[in-house]
Amino acid sequence: MSDATLSRPDPAAILELFKPVTWFPPVWAFLCGVVASGAPMQGRWGYAALGLLLAGPMVCATSQAVNDWFDRHVDAINEPNRPIPSGRIPGRMGLYIAIFWSGVSLLVGATLGLWGFAATVVALILAWAYSAPPLRLKLNGWWGNLACGLSYESLPWITAAAVISGGAPAMPVIILALLYGLGAHGIMTLNDFKSIEGDKRTGVRSLPVQLGAERAALVACWVMAIPQAVVIALLFAWGAPIYALIILALLGGQVAAMVKMLRDPKKLAPWYNATGIGMYVLGMLASAIAVRGMA
C-alpha cells in the first residue's frame, strides 16, 4: 500500500469502525421510549428522527470507535482484521475519529433540548469511561456490562419519553427502562464469549474469564430473566394482564433457548444472541405499549 493510502482511512473502514449492527439496541430502546411516552406525535416527528440518529449513528457509533481504539491490542489477538489493528485506519486516526464524532454527537444532542443534551453528555461519559483509562470499566465485567446495559437500553428509552412528552417521564416508564437495562447486562456477558482468549491475555476480566464459561452463561441467563419476571409482576399490578402474559410467553421461549445454550455456552452463545435476544426486545416493545399514557 502507498503512503498516500495509509495516510487516510477508507470511508468503508470508518463505517466498519462504527459497526452499524450495534446501533439496533439503542435505536430500539429509543423507539420504545417514544411509544411509552403516550404523547401525540404531531409536530414531534423531527425530534423522533433526530433522537434515532443520535442514539445509533452518533452516540453508539462513537462508543464503538472509542472501544476499538482502546482495544486495538486486544483486537490484534481476537479480531486482527478489524479496521484499526489491520491498519486500514492508520496511526492515531481512530482516536481522532472518536473525539470528532463525540463533538458532533453533542451538537446533535443540543437540538433536542435539555433532556436530549444531558442524556448525550451522560452517554458519552459512559462510552469513554467504559473503554478509556483511567476508569476503563470494561476491565471488570460486572461494572462494564452494567454501564453498557444502562447506556444502550435505559438511557435512550428514558430520553425518548422525555423528549417526546416534553418533560420528565412517568415513573412506570423509568422503572421499565431501568429493568430492561439491567437485563441487558446478561446480553453483554454473552457477547464476551467471542473474546475470551484475548481478554485473558490482556487482563480484561470479563465474566467468562472470571467465572468460566458455564458459570458466566448461567449468571447471564438469570440476569436476563429476573428483570423480565419483575416486569411481568408489575404489569399485572398495573392492570395490564394481557401484556404481562405476552411477555411471560416470550420469557418462556427465552428460557427454552437458555436451556439449550447452557449445554455448550462457548459454541451456542452466538446462536442464543440470534434467537433469545429477539424475544427479549419484543418484550420491551410490549411493555412500552402496556404503560403508554400511564401517569
Protein backbone atom coordinates (compact mmCIF):
# COMPACT_ATOMS: atom_id res chain seq x y z
CA MET A 1 0.00 0.00 0.00
CA SER A 2 1.23 3.51 -0.82
CA ASP A 3 1.99 6.15 1.80
CA ALA A 4 -0.94 8.21 0.47
CA THR A 5 -3.30 5.31 1.01
CA LEU A 6 -2.04 4.75 4.55
CA SER A 7 -2.33 8.44 5.48
CA ARG A 8 -6.13 8.48 5.39
CA PRO A 9 -8.73 5.79 6.13
CA ASP A 10 -11.10 4.38 3.59
CA PRO A 11 -14.71 5.55 4.24
CA ALA A 12 -15.74 1.90 4.23
CA ALA A 13 -13.27 1.26 7.05
CA ILE A 14 -14.79 4.12 9.07
CA LEU A 15 -18.26 2.70 8.60
CA GLU A 16 -16.95 -0.69 9.73
CA LEU A 17 -15.38 1.02 12.76
CA PHE A 18 -18.79 2.47 13.66
CA LYS A 19 -20.36 -1.05 13.48
CA PRO A 20 -23.90 -0.28 12.25
CA VAL A 21 -25.09 -3.69 13.50
CA THR A 22 -24.59 -2.44 17.09
CA TRP A 23 -26.91 0.54 16.58
CA PHE A 24 -30.03 -1.58 16.87
CA PRO A 25 -30.24 -1.83 20.73
CA PRO A 26 -30.22 1.93 21.49
CA VAL A 27 -32.38 2.73 18.45
CA TRP A 28 -34.92 0.11 19.52
CA ALA A 29 -34.85 1.40 23.11
CA PHE A 30 -35.44 4.94 21.84
CA LEU A 31 -38.43 3.69 19.84
CA CYS A 32 -39.76 2.01 22.97
CA GLY A 33 -39.45 5.31 24.80
CA VAL A 34 -41.37 7.09 22.06
CA VAL A 35 -44.15 4.51 22.32
CA ALA A 36 -44.19 4.51 26.13
CA SER A 37 -44.46 8.29 26.32
CA GLY A 38 -48.04 8.16 25.08
CA ALA A 39 -47.63 11.68 23.72
CA PRO A 40 -49.17 12.72 20.39
CA MET A 41 -46.56 12.72 17.62
CA GLN A 42 -47.96 15.68 15.71
CA GLY A 43 -45.14 18.20 15.38
CA ARG A 44 -42.65 15.86 17.07
CA TRP A 45 -41.60 13.59 14.23
CA GLY A 46 -38.49 15.70 13.71
CA TYR A 47 -37.45 15.18 17.33
CA ALA A 48 -38.01 11.45 17.00
CA ALA A 49 -35.90 11.29 13.83
CA LEU A 50 -33.07 13.28 15.41
CA GLY A 51 -33.25 11.07 18.51
CA LEU A 52 -32.91 7.93 16.43
CA LEU A 53 -29.94 9.45 14.60
CA LEU A 54 -28.36 10.40 17.91
CA ALA A 55 -28.94 7.03 19.58
CA GLY A 56 -27.48 4.91 16.77
CA PRO A 57 -25.26 6.54 14.11
CA MET A 58 -23.96 9.18 16.54
CA VAL A 59 -23.55 8.12 20.17
CA CYS A 60 -23.46 4.35 19.67
CA ALA A 61 -21.10 4.73 16.72
CA THR A 62 -18.87 6.93 18.89
CA SER A 63 -18.79 4.29 21.61
CA GLN A 64 -17.68 1.70 19.06
CA ALA A 65 -14.88 3.92 17.78
CA VAL A 66 -13.71 4.65 21.34
CA ASN A 67 -13.81 0.97 22.24
CA ASP A 68 -11.89 -0.14 19.15
CA TRP A 69 -9.16 2.44 19.70
CA PHE A 70 -8.50 1.48 23.30
CA ASP A 71 -8.97 -2.22 22.49
CA ARG A 72 -6.66 -2.26 19.50
CA HIS A 73 -4.12 -4.51 21.24
CA VAL A 74 -6.83 -6.96 22.31
CA ASP A 75 -8.34 -6.92 18.82
CA ALA A 76 -4.93 -7.68 17.35
CA ILE A 77 -5.32 -11.07 19.08
CA ASN A 78 -9.07 -11.69 18.86
CA GLU A 79 -10.03 -9.97 15.61
CA PRO A 80 -6.92 -8.74 13.72
CA ASN A 81 -8.95 -7.90 10.62
CA ARG A 82 -10.76 -5.02 12.33
CA PRO A 83 -10.03 -1.57 10.84
CA ILE A 84 -7.52 -0.34 13.43
CA PRO A 85 -5.32 -3.44 14.06
CA SER A 86 -5.35 -4.24 10.35
CA GLY A 87 -4.01 -0.78 9.52
CA ARG A 88 -6.98 0.23 7.37
CA ILE A 89 -7.47 3.10 9.82
CA PRO A 90 -3.84 4.16 10.26
CA GLY A 91 -1.89 5.88 13.03
CA ARG A 92 -3.94 7.70 15.62
CA MET A 93 -6.79 8.32 13.20
CA GLY A 94 -9.09 6.01 15.17
CA LEU A 95 -8.70 8.23 18.25
CA TYR A 96 -9.28 11.40 16.24
CA ILE A 97 -12.46 9.93 14.73
CA ALA A 98 -13.76 9.07 18.22
CA ILE A 99 -13.09 12.60 19.50
CA PHE A 100 -14.60 14.29 16.44
CA TRP A 101 -17.74 12.13 16.49
CA SER A 102 -18.17 12.85 20.22
CA GLY A 103 -18.27 16.56 19.41
CA VAL A 104 -20.73 16.09 16.57
CA SER A 105 -22.94 13.99 18.86
CA LEU A 106 -23.02 16.80 21.42
CA LEU A 107 -24.10 19.27 18.73
CA VAL A 108 -26.94 16.97 17.63
CA GLY A 109 -27.93 16.31 21.24
CA ALA A 110 -28.21 20.05 21.89
CA THR A 111 -31.01 20.26 19.30
CA LEU A 112 -33.18 18.00 21.48
CA GLY A 113 -33.39 20.39 24.40
CA LEU A 114 -32.15 19.98 27.95
CA TRP A 115 -33.16 16.32 28.29
CA GLY A 116 -31.60 15.33 24.98
CA PHE A 117 -28.36 17.21 25.61
CA ALA A 118 -28.00 15.92 29.17
CA ALA A 119 -28.59 12.36 28.02
CA THR A 120 -25.96 12.78 25.29
CA VAL A 121 -23.42 14.00 27.82
CA VAL A 122 -24.12 11.06 30.14
CA ALA A 123 -23.98 8.56 27.28
CA LEU A 124 -20.65 9.89 26.02
CA ILE A 125 -19.17 9.89 29.53
CA LEU A 126 -20.18 6.24 29.90
CA ALA A 127 -18.78 5.42 26.44
CA TRP A 128 -15.37 6.85 27.26
CA ALA A 129 -15.37 5.53 30.86
CA TYR A 130 -16.14 2.04 29.57
CA SER A 131 -13.12 1.84 27.28
CA ALA A 132 -10.61 4.54 28.20
CA PRO A 133 -8.15 4.78 31.11
CA PRO A 134 -8.16 5.53 33.96
CA LEU A 135 -11.59 4.01 34.65
CA ARG A 136 -11.76 1.52 31.75
CA LEU A 137 -14.86 -0.10 33.22
CA LYS A 138 -14.69 -2.98 30.75
CA LEU A 139 -11.73 -4.40 32.65
CA ASN A 140 -14.32 -5.80 35.06
CA GLY A 141 -17.33 -7.50 33.52
CA TRP A 142 -19.62 -6.60 36.41
CA TRP A 143 -19.19 -2.83 36.05
CA GLY A 144 -18.54 -2.68 32.32
CA ASN A 145 -21.62 -4.67 31.35
CA LEU A 146 -23.76 -2.61 33.71
CA ALA A 147 -22.57 0.61 32.06
CA CYS A 148 -23.36 -0.83 28.62
CA GLY A 149 -26.80 -2.07 29.61
CA LEU A 150 -27.85 1.24 31.12
CA SER A 151 -26.46 3.33 28.25
CA TYR A 152 -27.74 1.06 25.46
CA GLU A 153 -31.23 0.42 26.84
CA SER A 154 -32.26 2.55 29.83
CA LEU A 155 -30.84 5.92 28.81
CA PRO A 156 -32.27 6.14 25.26
CA TRP A 157 -35.64 4.82 26.47
CA ILE A 158 -35.95 7.44 29.22
CA THR A 159 -34.57 10.17 26.94
CA ALA A 160 -37.08 9.44 24.17
CA ALA A 161 -40.01 9.51 26.58
CA ALA A 162 -38.82 12.84 27.98
CA VAL A 163 -38.13 14.46 24.60
CA ILE A 164 -41.43 13.38 23.04
CA SER A 165 -43.58 14.19 26.09
CA GLY A 166 -41.75 17.44 26.81
CA GLY A 167 -40.98 16.68 30.44
CA ALA A 168 -39.97 14.07 32.97
CA PRO A 169 -41.21 10.56 32.01
CA ALA A 170 -43.83 8.79 34.09
CA MET A 171 -42.46 6.54 36.82
CA PRO A 172 -43.63 3.27 35.16
CA VAL A 173 -41.62 4.23 32.07
CA ILE A 174 -38.49 4.87 34.13
CA ILE A 175 -38.88 1.61 36.03
CA LEU A 176 -39.28 -0.46 32.87
CA ALA A 177 -36.31 1.25 31.21
CA LEU A 178 -34.08 0.52 34.21
CA LEU A 179 -35.22 -3.11 34.44
CA TYR A 180 -34.53 -3.83 30.78
CA GLY A 181 -31.19 -2.02 31.07
CA LEU A 182 -30.24 -4.29 33.97
CA GLY A 183 -31.30 -7.34 31.97
CA ALA A 184 -29.05 -6.23 29.12
CA HIS A 185 -26.11 -6.89 31.48
CA GLY A 186 -26.65 -10.57 30.69
CA ILE A 187 -26.72 -9.89 26.95
CA MET A 188 -23.36 -8.15 27.20
CA THR A 189 -21.95 -11.13 29.10
CA LEU A 190 -22.90 -13.44 26.24
CA ASN A 191 -21.19 -11.07 23.81
CA ASP A 192 -17.97 -11.51 25.78
CA PHE A 193 -17.73 -15.19 24.88
CA LYS A 194 -16.23 -14.39 21.49
CA SER A 195 -13.12 -12.77 23.04
CA ILE A 196 -12.24 -14.99 26.00
CA GLU A 197 -8.71 -15.82 24.83
CA GLY A 198 -7.72 -12.25 24.07
CA ASP A 199 -9.30 -11.00 27.30
CA LYS A 200 -7.26 -13.47 29.34
CA ARG A 201 -4.01 -12.44 27.68
CA THR A 202 -4.63 -8.70 28.06
CA GLY A 203 -6.09 -8.55 31.57
CA VAL A 204 -9.72 -7.89 30.70
CA ARG A 205 -11.71 -9.59 33.46
CA SER A 206 -14.95 -10.30 31.61
CA LEU A 207 -17.38 -12.60 33.39
CA PRO A 208 -16.44 -15.61 31.20
CA VAL A 209 -12.83 -15.00 32.26
CA GLN A 210 -13.71 -14.52 35.95
CA LEU A 211 -16.29 -17.28 36.33
CA GLY A 212 -15.58 -19.67 33.49
CA ALA A 213 -17.85 -20.21 30.51
CA GLU A 214 -20.51 -22.35 32.19
CA ARG A 215 -20.97 -20.23 35.31
CA ALA A 216 -20.88 -16.96 33.34
CA ALA A 217 -23.57 -18.23 30.99
CA LEU A 218 -25.73 -19.28 33.93
CA VAL A 219 -25.31 -15.85 35.56
CA ALA A 220 -26.20 -14.17 32.26
CA CYS A 221 -29.39 -16.18 32.00
CA TRP A 222 -30.52 -15.26 35.49
CA VAL A 223 -29.62 -11.61 34.97
CA MET A 224 -31.73 -11.53 31.79
CA ALA A 225 -34.67 -13.47 33.24
CA ILE A 226 -35.16 -11.86 36.68
CA PRO A 227 -35.84 -8.28 35.46
CA GLN A 228 -38.36 -9.63 32.95
CA ALA A 229 -40.09 -11.56 35.74
CA VAL A 230 -40.32 -8.30 37.70
CA VAL A 231 -41.76 -6.56 34.62
CA ILE A 232 -44.43 -9.26 34.34
CA ALA A 233 -45.38 -8.87 38.00
CA LEU A 234 -45.53 -5.09 37.67
CA LEU A 235 -47.75 -5.21 34.59
CA PHE A 236 -50.20 -7.46 36.42
CA ALA A 237 -50.17 -4.98 39.32
CA TRP A 238 -50.64 -2.02 36.95
CA GLY A 239 -53.70 -3.57 35.34
CA ALA A 240 -52.15 -4.73 32.06
CA PRO A 241 -52.57 -8.53 32.28
CA ILE A 242 -52.66 -9.16 28.51
CA TYR A 243 -49.25 -7.58 28.03
CA ALA A 244 -47.95 -9.37 31.11
CA LEU A 245 -48.99 -12.70 29.57
CA ILE A 246 -47.36 -11.78 26.25
CA ILE A 247 -44.05 -11.09 27.99
CA LEU A 248 -44.46 -14.27 30.06
CA ALA A 249 -44.77 -16.26 26.83
CA LEU A 250 -41.71 -14.53 25.39
CA LEU A 251 -39.77 -15.25 28.57
CA GLY A 252 -40.80 -18.90 28.32
CA GLY A 253 -39.32 -19.03 24.82
CA GLN A 254 -36.11 -17.47 26.11
CA VAL A 255 -35.85 -20.00 28.92
CA ALA A 256 -36.19 -22.85 26.43
CA ALA A 257 -33.38 -21.32 24.35
CA MET A 258 -31.29 -20.77 27.51
CA VAL A 259 -31.55 -24.46 28.42
CA LYS A 260 -30.14 -25.39 25.02
CA MET A 261 -27.44 -22.71 25.16
CA LEU A 262 -26.21 -23.83 28.59
CA ARG A 263 -25.25 -27.23 27.18
CA ASP A 264 -22.31 -25.61 25.37
CA PRO A 265 -22.11 -21.85 26.09
CA LYS A 266 -18.93 -21.21 24.12
CA LYS A 267 -20.43 -22.66 20.97
CA LEU A 268 -24.06 -21.64 21.41
CA ALA A 269 -23.81 -18.10 22.85
CA PRO A 270 -23.90 -16.59 19.30
CA TRP A 271 -26.90 -18.80 18.49
CA TYR A 272 -28.71 -17.52 21.58
CA ASN A 273 -27.96 -13.93 20.60
CA ALA A 274 -29.68 -14.61 17.27
CA THR A 275 -32.75 -16.22 18.85
CA GLY A 276 -33.37 -15.42 22.50
CA ILE A 277 -32.46 -11.74 22.25
CA GLY A 278 -35.17 -11.24 19.64
CA MET A 279 -37.76 -12.33 22.18
CA TYR A 280 -36.20 -10.05 24.79
CA VAL A 281 -36.56 -6.94 22.63
CA LEU A 282 -40.12 -7.86 21.60
CA GLY A 283 -40.94 -7.93 25.31
CA MET A 284 -39.50 -4.43 25.61
CA LEU A 285 -41.93 -3.15 22.99
CA ALA A 286 -44.86 -4.98 24.54
CA SER A 287 -44.13 -3.43 27.94
CA ALA A 288 -43.78 0.02 26.34
CA ILE A 289 -47.23 -0.33 24.77
CA ALA A 290 -48.62 -1.52 28.11
CA VAL A 291 -47.57 1.61 30.01
CA ARG A 292 -48.41 4.04 27.20
CA GLY A 293 -50.03 7.04 28.76
CA MET A 294 -49.72 5.82 32.38
CA ALA A 295 -49.24 8.62 34.90
